[in-house]
Amino acid sequence: AVLDPPAPIDLLDAGGRPVVVGDRGAVLRPPSRLGLRRDSSVAVMSWAGPWPADERWWDPKSAVRVARMQVVDTQGRAYLVAGTMGVGGADAQWCLEGIYD
């Protein structure tokens, strides 16, 4: 199922900090918890990615750096999440783009 629009989420590491993808496209600290901002979070059992992309790179006003990941919770539900990143991975903003059946 694809969410339109994507829903904001928290993707957190074991220390409760937002997951960050560095400039070289690697996760600096792996995801540990996933949660919708208004609901309780669930533990992350496994994950794949990230797959970074520079979207709309030709237009400086709308260019954004995005990293997508697949995340599976402890109940076996799988999600497609996307994070927009600032320079050095700062200011990570994560959203839920899809839920796998």
PDB file of N, CA and C in Angstrom:
ATOM      1  N   ALA A   1       0.845  -1.170   0.000  1.00  0.00           N
ATOM      2  CA  ALA A   1       0.000   0.000   0.000  1.00  0.00           C
ATOM      3  C   ALA A   1       0.892   1.234   0.000  1.00  0.00           C
ATOM      4  N   VAL A   2       0.598   2.151  -0.886  1.00  0.00           N
ATOM      5  CA  VAL A   2       1.359   3.389  -0.978  1.00  0.00           C
ATOM      6  C   VAL A   2       0.568   4.485  -0.276  1.00  0.00           C
ATOM      7  N   LEU A   3       1.225   5.230   0.587  1.00  0.00           N
ATOM      8  CA  LEU A   3       0.560   6.319   1.307  1.00  0.00           C
ATOM      9  C   LEU A   3       0.670   7.607   0.492  1.00  0.00           C
ATOM     10  N   ASP A   4      -0.455   8.279   0.312  1.00  0.00           N
ATOM     11  CA  ASP A   4      -0.472   9.538  -0.425  1.00  0.00           C
ATOM     12  C   ASP A   4      -1.353  10.526   0.312  1.00  0.00           C
ATOM     13  N   PRO A   5      -0.768  11.450   0.997  1.00  0.00           N
ATOM     14  CA  PRO A   5       0.660  11.760   1.067  1.00  0.00           C
ATOM     15  C   PRO A   5       1.365  10.859   2.078  1.00  0.00           C
ATOM     16  N   PRO A   6       2.698  10.778   1.995  1.00  0.00           N
ATOM     17  CA  PRO A   6       3.454  10.022   2.990  1.00  0.00           C
ATOM     18  C   PRO A   6       3.204  10.578   4.395  1.00  0.00           C
ATOM     19  N   ALA A   7       3.245   9.681   5.398  1.00  0.00           N
ATOM     20  CA  ALA A   7       2.973  10.075   6.782  1.00  0.00           C
ATOM     21  C   ALA A   7       4.291  10.318   7.526  1.00  0.00           C
ATOM     22  N   PRO A   8       4.388  11.413   8.264  1.00  0.00           N
ATOM     23  CA  PRO A   8       5.600  11.651   9.062  1.00  0.00           C
ATOM     24  C   PRO A   8       5.769  10.566  10.120  1.00  0.00           C
ATOM     25  N   ILE A   9       7.000  10.124  10.324  1.00  0.00           N
ATOM     26  CA  ILE A   9       7.300   9.107  11.325  1.00  0.00           C
ATOM     27  C   ILE A   9       8.564   9.497  12.077  1.00  0.00           C
ATOM     28  N   ASP A  10       8.808   8.763  13.147  1.00  0.00           N
ATOM     29  CA  ASP A  10      10.084   8.821  13.837  1.00  0.00           C
ATOM     30  C   ASP A  10      10.824   7.530  13.519  1.00  0.00           C
ATOM     31  N   LEU A  11      12.033   7.634  13.001  1.00  0.00           N
ATOM     32  CA  LEU A  11      12.904   6.482  12.810  1.00  0.00           C
ATOM     33  C   LEU A  11      14.111   6.748  13.694  1.00  0.00           C
ATOM     34  N   LEU A  12      14.198   5.984  14.788  1.00  0.00           N
ATOM     35  CA  LEU A  12      15.161   6.283  15.843  1.00  0.00           C
ATOM     36  C   LEU A  12      16.195   5.186  16.007  1.00  0.00           C
ATOM     37  N   ASP A  13      17.400   5.585  16.438  1.00  0.00           N
ATOM     38  CA  ASP A  13      18.443   4.611  16.760  1.00  0.00           C
ATOM     39  C   ASP A  13      18.252   4.143  18.201  1.00  0.00           C
ATOM     40  N   ALA A  14      19.140   3.307  18.691  1.00  0.00           N
ATOM     41  CA  ALA A  14      19.010   2.748  20.044  1.00  0.00           C
ATOM     42  C   ALA A  14      19.090   3.814  21.126  1.00  0.00           C
ATOM     43  N   GLY A  15      19.702   4.949  20.838  1.00  0.00           N
ATOM     44  CA  GLY A  15      19.797   6.044  21.800  1.00  0.00           C
ATOM     45  C   GLY A  15      18.629   7.006  21.742  1.00  0.00           C
ATOM     46  N   GLY A  16      17.626   6.727  20.884  1.00  0.00           N
ATOM     47  CA  GLY A  16      16.463   7.602  20.774  1.00  0.00           C
ATOM     48  C   GLY A  16      16.676   8.803  19.874  1.00  0.00           C
ATOM     49  N   ARG A  17      17.780   8.810  19.113  1.00  0.00           N
ATOM     50  CA  ARG A  17      18.066   9.911  18.178  1.00  0.00           C
ATOM     51  C   ARG A  17      17.579   9.540  16.787  1.00  0.00           C
ATOM     52  N   PRO A  18      17.200  10.527  15.961  1.00  0.00           N
ATOM     53  CA  PRO A  18      16.793  10.215  14.584  1.00  0.00           C
ATOM     54  C   PRO A  18      17.919   9.519  13.828  1.00  0.00           C
ATOM     55  N   VAL A  19      17.558   8.516  13.033  1.00  0.00           N
ATOM     56  CA  VAL A  19      18.527   7.825  12.188  1.00  0.00           C
ATOM     57  C   VAL A  19      19.052   8.824  11.164  1.00  0.00           C
ATOM     58  N   VAL A  20      20.368   8.794  10.956  1.00  0.00           N
ATOM     59  CA  VAL A  20      21.035   9.723  10.046  1.00  0.00           C
ATOM     60  C   VAL A  20      21.758   8.930   8.968  1.00  0.00           C
ATOM     61  N   VAL A  21      21.647   9.396   7.731  1.00  0.00           N
ATOM     62  CA  VAL A  21      22.395   8.835   6.618  1.00  0.00           C
ATOM     63  C   VAL A  21      23.468   9.853   6.267  1.00  0.00           C
ATOM     64  N   GLY A  22      24.719   9.424   6.314  1.00  0.00           N
ATOM     65  CA  GLY A  22      25.843  10.321   6.068  1.00  0.00           C
ATOM     66  C   GLY A  22      26.009  10.684   4.604  1.00  0.00           C
ATOM     67  N   ASP A  23      26.960  11.563   4.340  1.00  0.00           N
ATOM     68  CA  ASP A  23      27.218  12.039   2.979  1.00  0.00           C
ATOM     69  C   ASP A  23      27.613  10.931   2.009  1.00  0.00           C
ATOM     70  N   ARG A  24      28.163   9.839   2.539  1.00  0.00           N
ATOM     71  CA  ARG A  24      28.584   8.732   1.676  1.00  0.00           C
ATOM     72  C   ARG A  24      27.488   7.678   1.513  1.00  0.00           C
ATOM     73  N   GLY A  25      26.290   7.953   2.023  1.00  0.00           N
ATOM     74  CA  GLY A  25      25.152   7.061   1.823  1.00  0.00           C
ATOM     75  C   GLY A  25      25.061   5.901   2.789  1.00  0.00           C
ATOM     76  N   ALA A  26      25.757   5.974   3.916  1.00  0.00           N
ATOM     77  CA  ALA A  26      25.701   4.904   4.908  1.00  0.00           C
ATOM     78  C   ALA A  26      24.951   5.377   6.148  1.00  0.00           C
ATOM     79  N   VAL A  27      24.258   4.451   6.796  1.00  0.00           N
ATOM     80  CA  VAL A  27      23.573   4.748   8.050  1.00  0.00           C
ATOM     81  C   VAL A  27      24.637   4.894   9.133  1.00  0.00           C
ATOM     82  N   LEU A  28      24.600   6.011   9.863  1.00  0.00           N
ATOM     83  CA  LEU A  28      25.595   6.249  10.902  1.00  0.00           C
ATOM     84  C   LEU A  28      25.301   5.437  12.160  1.00  0.00           C
ATOM     85  N   ARG A  29      24.025   5.290  12.511  1.00  0.00           N
ATOM     86  CA  ARG A  29      23.587   4.461  13.636  1.00  0.00           C
ATOM     87  C   ARG A  29      22.324   3.738  13.169  1.00  0.00           C
ATOM     88  N   PRO A  30      22.261   2.411  13.273  1.00  0.00           N
ATOM     89  CA  PRO A  30      21.139   1.663  12.697  1.00  0.00           C
ATOM     90  C   PRO A  30      19.809   1.949  13.392  1.00  0.00           C
ATOM     91  N   PRO A  31      18.713   1.772  12.650  1.00  0.00           N
ATOM     92  CA  PRO A  31      17.393   1.995  13.240  1.00  0.00           C
ATOM     93  C   PRO A  31      17.064   0.955  14.298  1.00  0.00           C
ATOM     94  N   SER A  32      16.391   1.423  15.348  1.00  0.00           N
ATOM     95  CA  SER A  32      15.986   0.547  16.439  1.00  0.00           C
ATOM     96  C   SER A  32      14.481   0.621  16.702  1.00  0.00           C
ATOM     97  N   ARG A  33      13.876   1.799  16.445  1.00  0.00           N
ATOM     98  CA  ARG A  33      12.445   2.012  16.696  1.00  0.00           C
ATOM     99  C   ARG A  33      11.837   2.784  15.535  1.00  0.00           C
ATOM    100  N   LEU A  34      10.586   2.444  15.239  1.00  0.00           N
ATOM    101  CA  LEU A  34       9.821   3.108  14.194  1.00  0.00           C
ATOM    102  C   LEU A  34       8.478   3.481  14.779  1.00  0.00           C
ATOM    103  N   GLY A  35       8.060   4.703  14.575  1.00  0.00           N
ATOM    104  CA  GLY A  35       6.754   5.082  15.096  1.00  0.00           C
ATOM    105  C   GLY A  35       6.155   6.276  14.396  1.00  0.00           C
ATOM    106  N   LEU A  36       4.843   6.221  14.242  1.00  0.00           N
ATOM    107  CA  LEU A  36       4.129   7.406  13.786  1.00  0.00           C
ATOM    108  C   LEU A  36       4.216   8.431  14.900  1.00  0.00           C
ATOM    109  N   ARG A  37       4.272   9.665  14.572  1.00  0.00           N
ATOM    110  CA  ARG A  37       4.502  10.709  15.564  1.00  0.00           C
ATOM    111  C   ARG A  37       3.459  10.728  16.674  1.00  0.00           C
ATOM    112  N   ARG A  38       2.250  10.298  16.411  1.00  0.00           N
ATOM    113  CA  ARG A  38       1.203  10.357  17.445  1.00  0.00           C
ATOM    114  C   ARG A  38       0.899   9.000  18.064  1.00  0.00           C
ATOM    115  N   ASP A  39       1.522   7.951  17.566  1.00  0.00           N
ATOM    116  CA  ASP A  39       1.279   6.601  18.094  1.00  0.00           C
ATOM    117  C   ASP A  39       2.527   6.094  18.790  1.00  0.00           C
ATOM    118  N   SER A  40       2.387   4.954  19.454  1.00  0.00           N
ATOM    119  CA  SER A  40       3.552   4.339  20.084  1.00  0.00           C
ATOM    120  C   SER A  40       4.462   3.751  19.008  1.00  0.00           C
ATOM    121  N   SER A  41       5.714   3.600  19.358  1.00  0.00           N
ATOM    122  CA  SER A  41       6.679   3.079  18.398  1.00  0.00           C
ATOM    123  C   SER A  41       6.785   1.562  18.521  1.00  0.00           C
ATOM    124  N   VAL A  42       7.337   0.937  17.488  1.00  0.00           N
ATOM    125  CA  VAL A  42       7.578  -0.499  17.475  1.00  0.00           C
ATOM    126  C   VAL A  42       9.070  -0.732  17.275  1.00  0.00           C
ATOM    127  N   ALA A  43       9.551  -1.854  17.786  1.00  0.00           N
ATOM    128  CA  ALA A  43      10.962  -2.203  17.630  1.00  0.00           C
ATOM    129  C   ALA A  43      11.233  -2.656  16.194  1.00  0.00           C
ATOM    130  N   VAL A  44      12.400  -2.300  15.697  1.00  0.00           N
ATOM    131  CA  VAL A  44      12.837  -2.709  14.367  1.00  0.00           C
ATOM    132  C   VAL A  44      13.615  -4.012  14.494  1.00  0.00           C
ATOM    133  N   MET A  45      13.201  -5.029  13.722  1.00  0.00           N
ATOM    134  CA  MET A  45      13.868  -6.326  13.748  1.00  0.00           C
ATOM    135  C   MET A  45      14.988  -6.383  12.702  1.00  0.00           C
ATOM    136  N   SER A  46      14.717  -5.825  11.502  1.00  0.00           N
ATOM    137  CA  SER A  46      15.719  -5.811  10.438  1.00  0.00           C
ATOM    138  C   SER A  46      15.454  -4.640   9.514  1.00  0.00           C
ATOM    139  N   TRP A  47      16.454  -4.350   8.694  1.00  0.00           N
ATOM    140  CA  TRP A  47      16.334  -3.235   7.759  1.00  0.00           C
ATOM    141  C   TRP A  47      17.270  -3.454   6.582  1.00  0.00           C
ATOM    142  N   ALA A  48      16.969  -2.791   5.482  1.00  0.00           N
ATOM    143  CA  ALA A  48      17.810  -2.848   4.287  1.00  0.00           C
ATOM    144  C   ALA A  48      17.937  -1.446   3.724  1.00  0.00           C
ATOM    145  N   GLY A  49      19.070  -1.194   3.105  1.00  0.00           N
ATOM    146  CA  GLY A  49      19.328   0.129   2.560  1.00  0.00           C
ATOM    147  C   GLY A  49      20.419   0.806   3.355  1.00  0.00           C
ATOM    148  N   PRO A  50      20.523   2.061   3.273  1.00  0.00           N
ATOM    149  CA  PRO A  50      19.669   2.993   2.542  1.00  0.00           C
ATOM    150  C   PRO A  50      20.043   3.070   1.062  1.00  0.00           C
ATOM    151  N   TRP A  51      19.090   3.603   0.304  1.00  0.00           N
ATOM    152  CA  TRP A  51      19.299   3.874  -1.100  1.00  0.00           C
ATOM    153  C   TRP A  51      19.163   5.382  -1.287  1.00  0.00           C
ATOM    154  N   PRO A  52      20.291   6.099  -1.286  1.00  0.00           N
ATOM    155  CA  PRO A  52      20.239   7.556  -1.393  1.00  0.00           C
ATOM    156  C   PRO A  52      19.986   8.012  -2.831  1.00  0.00           C
ATOM    157  N   ALA A  53      19.356   9.157  -2.943  1.00  0.00           N
ATOM    158  CA  ALA A  53      19.097   9.772  -4.250  1.00  0.00           C
ATOM    159  C   ALA A  53      19.083  11.280  -4.093  1.00  0.00           C
ATOM    160  N   ASP A  54      19.640  11.956  -5.066  1.00  0.00           N
ATOM    161  CA  ASP A  54      19.541  13.415  -5.132  1.00  0.00           C
ATOM    162  C   ASP A  54      18.392  13.732  -6.070  1.00  0.00           C
ATOM    163  N   GLU A  55      17.254  14.111  -5.512  1.00  0.00           N
ATOM    164  CA  GLU A  55      16.071  14.371  -6.315  1.00  0.00           C
ATOM    165  C   GLU A  55      16.003  15.840  -6.705  1.00  0.00           C
ATOM    166  N   ARG A  56      15.600  16.074  -7.935  1.00  0.00           N
ATOM    167  CA  ARG A  56      15.465  17.423  -8.511  1.00  0.00           C
ATOM    168  C   ARG A  56      16.772  18.211  -8.388  1.00  0.00           C
ATOM    169  N   TRP A  57      17.900  17.536  -8.596  1.00  0.00           N
ATOM    170  CA  TRP A  57      19.215  18.156  -8.464  1.00  0.00           C
ATOM    171  C   TRP A  57      19.417  19.320  -9.431  1.00  0.00           C
ATOM    172  N   TRP A  58      18.665  19.351 -10.530  1.00  0.00           N
ATOM    173  CA  TRP A  58      18.819  20.396 -11.529  1.00  0.00           C
ATOM    174  C   TRP A  58      18.177  21.722 -11.119  1.00  0.00           C
ATOM    175  N   ASP A  59      17.369  21.690 -10.046  1.00  0.00           N
ATOM    176  CA  ASP A  59      16.687  22.898  -9.596  1.00  0.00           C
ATOM    177  C   ASP A  59      17.079  23.202  -8.144  1.00  0.00           C
ATOM    178  N   PRO A  60      18.006  24.142  -7.930  1.00  0.00           N
ATOM    179  CA  PRO A  60      18.496  24.406  -6.568  1.00  0.00           C
ATOM    180  C   PRO A  60      17.402  24.750  -5.559  1.00  0.00           C
ATOM    181  N   LYS A  61      16.300  25.334  -6.010  1.00  0.00           N
ATOM    182  CA  LYS A  61      15.230  25.721  -5.081  1.00  0.00           C
ATOM    183  C   LYS A  61      14.433  24.523  -4.571  1.00  0.00           C
ATOM    184  N   SER A  62      14.327  23.469  -5.361  1.00  0.00           N
ATOM    185  CA  SER A  62      13.536  22.313  -4.932  1.00  0.00           C
ATOM    186  C   SER A  62      14.373  21.036  -4.780  1.00  0.00           C
ATOM    187  N   ALA A  63      15.680  21.125  -4.954  1.00  0.00           N
ATOM    188  CA  ALA A  63      16.548  19.952  -4.810  1.00  0.00           C
ATOM    189  C   ALA A  63      16.499  19.427  -3.379  1.00  0.00           C
ATOM    190  N   VAL A  64      16.530  18.107  -3.246  1.00  0.00           N
ATOM    191  CA  VAL A  64      16.495  17.476  -1.923  1.00  0.00           C
ATOM    192  C   VAL A  64      17.280  16.176  -1.980  1.00  0.00           C
ATOM    193  N   ARG A  65      17.940  15.870  -0.896  1.00  0.00           N
ATOM    194  CA  ARG A  65      18.663  14.605  -0.754  1.00  0.00           C
ATOM    195  C   ARG A  65      17.772  13.644   0.024  1.00  0.00           C
ATOM    196  N   VAL A  66      17.453  12.500  -0.580  1.00  0.00           N
ATOM    197  CA  VAL A  66      16.531  11.540   0.020  1.00  0.00           C
ATOM    198  C   VAL A  66      17.235  10.184   0.155  1.00  0.00           C
ATOM    199  N   ALA A  67      16.962   9.506   1.257  1.00  0.00           N
ATOM    200  CA  ALA A  67      17.442   8.130   1.439  1.00  0.00           C
ATOM    201  C   ALA A  67      16.231   7.263   1.770  1.00  0.00           C
ATOM    202  N   ARG A  68      16.061   6.182   1.011  1.00  0.00           N
ATOM    203  CA  ARG A  68      14.957   5.259   1.277  1.00  0.00           C
ATOM    204  C   ARG A  68      15.503   3.990   1.914  1.00  0.00           C
ATOM    205  N   MET A  69      14.695   3.408   2.806  1.00  0.00           N
ATOM    206  CA  MET A  69      15.060   2.170   3.481  1.00  0.00           C
ATOM    207  C   MET A  69      13.825   1.289   3.601  1.00  0.00           C
ATOM    208  N   GLN A  70      14.055  -0.008   3.672  1.00  0.00           N
ATOM    209  CA  GLN A  70      13.004  -0.944   4.027  1.00  0.00           C
ATOM    210  C   GLN A  70      13.251  -1.355   5.467  1.00  0.00           C
ATOM    211  N   VAL A  71      12.193  -1.344   6.268  1.00  0.00           N
ATOM    212  CA  VAL A  71      12.291  -1.643   7.691  1.00  0.00           C
ATOM    213  C   VAL A  71      11.240  -2.697   8.025  1.00  0.00           C
ATOM    214  N   VAL A  72      11.629  -3.681   8.843  1.00  0.00           N
ATOM    215  CA  VAL A  72      10.702  -4.724   9.290  1.00  0.00           C
ATOM    216  C   VAL A  72      10.621  -4.663  10.803  1.00  0.00           C
ATOM    217  N   ASP A  73       9.382  -4.624  11.335  1.00  0.00           N
ATOM    218  CA  ASP A  73       9.224  -4.583  12.794  1.00  0.00           C
ATOM    219  C   ASP A  73       9.209  -6.000  13.369  1.00  0.00           C
ATOM    220  N   THR A  74       9.133  -6.108  14.666  1.00  0.00           N
ATOM    221  CA  THR A  74       9.202  -7.418  15.336  1.00  0.00           C
ATOM    222  C   THR A  74       7.975  -8.278  15.096  1.00  0.00           C
ATOM    223  N   GLN A  75       6.906  -7.704  14.540  1.00  0.00           N
ATOM    224  CA  GLN A  75       5.713  -8.478  14.205  1.00  0.00           C
ATOM    225  C   GLN A  75       5.726  -8.930  12.746  1.00  0.00           C
ATOM    226  N   GLY A  76       6.806  -8.601  12.034  1.00  0.00           N
ATOM    227  CA  GLY A  76       6.945  -9.017  10.643  1.00  0.00           C
ATOM    228  C   GLY A  76       6.350  -8.075   9.632  1.00  0.00           C
ATOM    229  N   ARG A  77       5.848  -6.920  10.054  1.00  0.00           N
ATOM    230  CA  ARG A  77       5.330  -5.933   9.099  1.00  0.00           C
ATOM    231  C   ARG A  77       6.499  -5.199   8.467  1.00  0.00           C
ATOM    232  N   ALA A  78       6.412  -4.995   7.156  1.00  0.00           N
ATOM    233  CA  ALA A  78       7.488  -4.334   6.426  1.00  0.00           C
ATOM    234  C   ALA A  78       7.009  -2.980   5.908  1.00  0.00           C
ATOM    235  N   TYR A  79       7.927  -2.011   5.921  1.00  0.00           N
ATOM    236  CA  TYR A  79       7.616  -0.634   5.577  1.00  0.00           C
ATOM    237  C   TYR A  79       8.670  -0.074   4.624  1.00  0.00           C
ATOM    238  N   LEU A  80       8.254   0.848   3.774  1.00  0.00           N
ATOM    239  CA  LEU A  80       9.178   1.642   2.979  1.00  0.00           C
ATOM    240  C   LEU A  80       9.192   3.035   3.584  1.00  0.00           C
ATOM    241  N   VAL A  81      10.350   3.463   4.050  1.00  0.00           N
ATOM    242  CA  VAL A  81      10.479   4.776   4.663  1.00  0.00           C
ATOM    243  C   VAL A  81      11.449   5.617   3.845  1.00  0.00           C
ATOM    244  N   ALA A  82      11.269   6.923   3.893  1.00  0.00           N
ATOM    245  CA  ALA A  82      12.152   7.838   3.176  1.00  0.00           C
ATOM    246  C   ALA A  82      12.526   8.971   4.116  1.00  0.00           C
ATOM    247  N   GLY A  83      13.782   9.339   4.054  1.00  0.00           N
ATOM    248  CA  GLY A  83      14.262  10.433   4.879  1.00  0.00           C
ATOM    249  C   GLY A  83      14.916  11.497   4.030  1.00  0.00           C
ATOM    250  N   THR A  84      14.597  12.739   4.303  1.00  0.00           N
ATOM    251  CA  THR A  84      15.296  13.844   3.656  1.00  0.00           C
ATOM    252  C   THR A  84      16.386  14.299   4.603  1.00  0.00           C
ATOM    253  N   MET A  85      17.536  14.607   4.055  1.00  0.00           N
ATOM    254  CA  MET A  85      18.708  14.923   4.861  1.00  0.00           C
ATOM    255  C   MET A  85      19.291  16.268   4.474  1.00  0.00           C
ATOM    256  N   GLY A  86      19.830  16.957   5.472  1.00  0.00           N
ATOM    257  CA  GLY A  86      20.628  18.140   5.222  1.00  0.00           C
ATOM    258  C   GLY A  86      22.070  17.737   4.987  1.00  0.00           C
ATOM    259  N   VAL A  87      22.962  18.697   4.909  1.00  0.00           N
ATOM    260  CA  VAL A  87      24.382  18.431   4.717  1.00  0.00           C
ATOM    261  C   VAL A  87      24.897  17.609   5.894  1.00  0.00           C
ATOM    262  N   GLY A  88      25.660  16.558   5.605  1.00  0.00           N
ATOM    263  CA  GLY A  88      26.202  15.696   6.646  1.00  0.00           C
ATOM    264  C   GLY A  88      25.152  14.837   7.316  1.00  0.00           C
ATOM    265  N   GLY A  89      23.959  14.743   6.719  1.00  0.00           N
ATOM    266  CA  GLY A  89      22.891  13.938   7.290  1.00  0.00           C
ATOM    267  C   GLY A  89      22.105  14.657   8.371  1.00  0.00           C
ATOM    268  N   ALA A  90      22.420  15.921   8.613  1.00  0.00           N
ATOM    269  CA  ALA A  90      21.749  16.674   9.676  1.00  0.00           C
ATOM    270  C   ALA A  90      20.279  16.900   9.338  1.00  0.00           C
ATOM    271  N   ASP A  91      19.500  17.163  10.378  1.00  0.00           N
ATOM    272  CA  ASP A  91      18.084  17.510  10.227  1.00  0.00           C
ATOM    273  C   ASP A  91      17.286  16.446   9.477  1.00  0.00           C
ATOM    274  N   ALA A  92      17.491  15.197   9.840  1.00  0.00           N
ATOM    275  CA  ALA A  92      16.776  14.100   9.184  1.00  0.00           C
ATOM    276  C   ALA A  92      15.280  14.209   9.458  1.00  0.00           C
ATOM    277  N   GLN A  93      14.483  14.103   8.410  1.00  0.00           N
ATOM    278  CA  GLN A  93      13.022  14.103   8.494  1.00  0.00           C
ATOM    279  C   GLN A  93      12.551  12.830   7.795  1.00  0.00           C
ATOM    280  N   TRP A  94      11.925  11.923   8.536  1.00  0.00           N
ATOM    281  CA  TRP A  94      11.512  10.637   7.983  1.00  0.00           C
ATOM    282  C   TRP A  94      10.009  10.591   7.746  1.00  0.00           C
ATOM    283  N   CYS A  95       9.623   9.849   6.712  1.00  0.00           N
ATOM    284  CA  CYS A  95       8.202   9.639   6.438  1.00  0.00           C
ATOM    285  C   CYS A  95       7.982   8.200   5.982  1.00  0.00           C
ATOM    286  N   LEU A  96       6.761   7.742   6.165  1.00  0.00           N
ATOM    287  CA  LEU A  96       6.349   6.408   5.751  1.00  0.00           C
ATOM    288  C   LEU A  96       5.727   6.539   4.353  1.00  0.00           C
ATOM    289  N   GLU A  97       6.340   5.883   3.360  1.00  0.00           N
ATOM    290  CA  GLU A  97       5.837   5.949   1.989  1.00  0.00           C
ATOM    291  C   GLU A  97       4.972   4.751   1.630  1.00  0.00           C
ATOM    292  N   GLY A  98       5.223   3.602   2.285  1.00  0.00           N
ATOM    293  CA  GLY A  98       4.459   2.418   1.931  1.00  0.00           C
ATOM    294  C   GLY A  98       4.525   1.346   2.991  1.00  0.00           C
ATOM    295  N   ILE A  99       3.521   0.467   2.961  1.00  0.00           N
ATOM    296  CA  ILE A  99       3.452  -0.685   3.861  1.00  0.00           C
ATOM    297  C   ILE A  99       3.297  -1.910   2.980  1.00  0.00           C
ATOM    298  N   TYR A 100       4.158  -2.898   3.178  1.00  0.00           N
ATOM    299  CA  TYR A 100       4.104  -4.128   2.393  1.00  0.00           C
ATOM    300  C   TYR A 100       3.069  -5.078   2.968  1.00  0.00           C
ATOM    301  N   ASP A 101       2.309  -5.739   2.080  1.00  0.00           N
ATOM    302  CA  ASP A 101       1.324  -6.740   2.498  1.00  0.00           C
ATOM    303  C   ASP A 101       1.992  -8.072   2.698  1.00  0.00           C
TER     304      ASP A 101
END
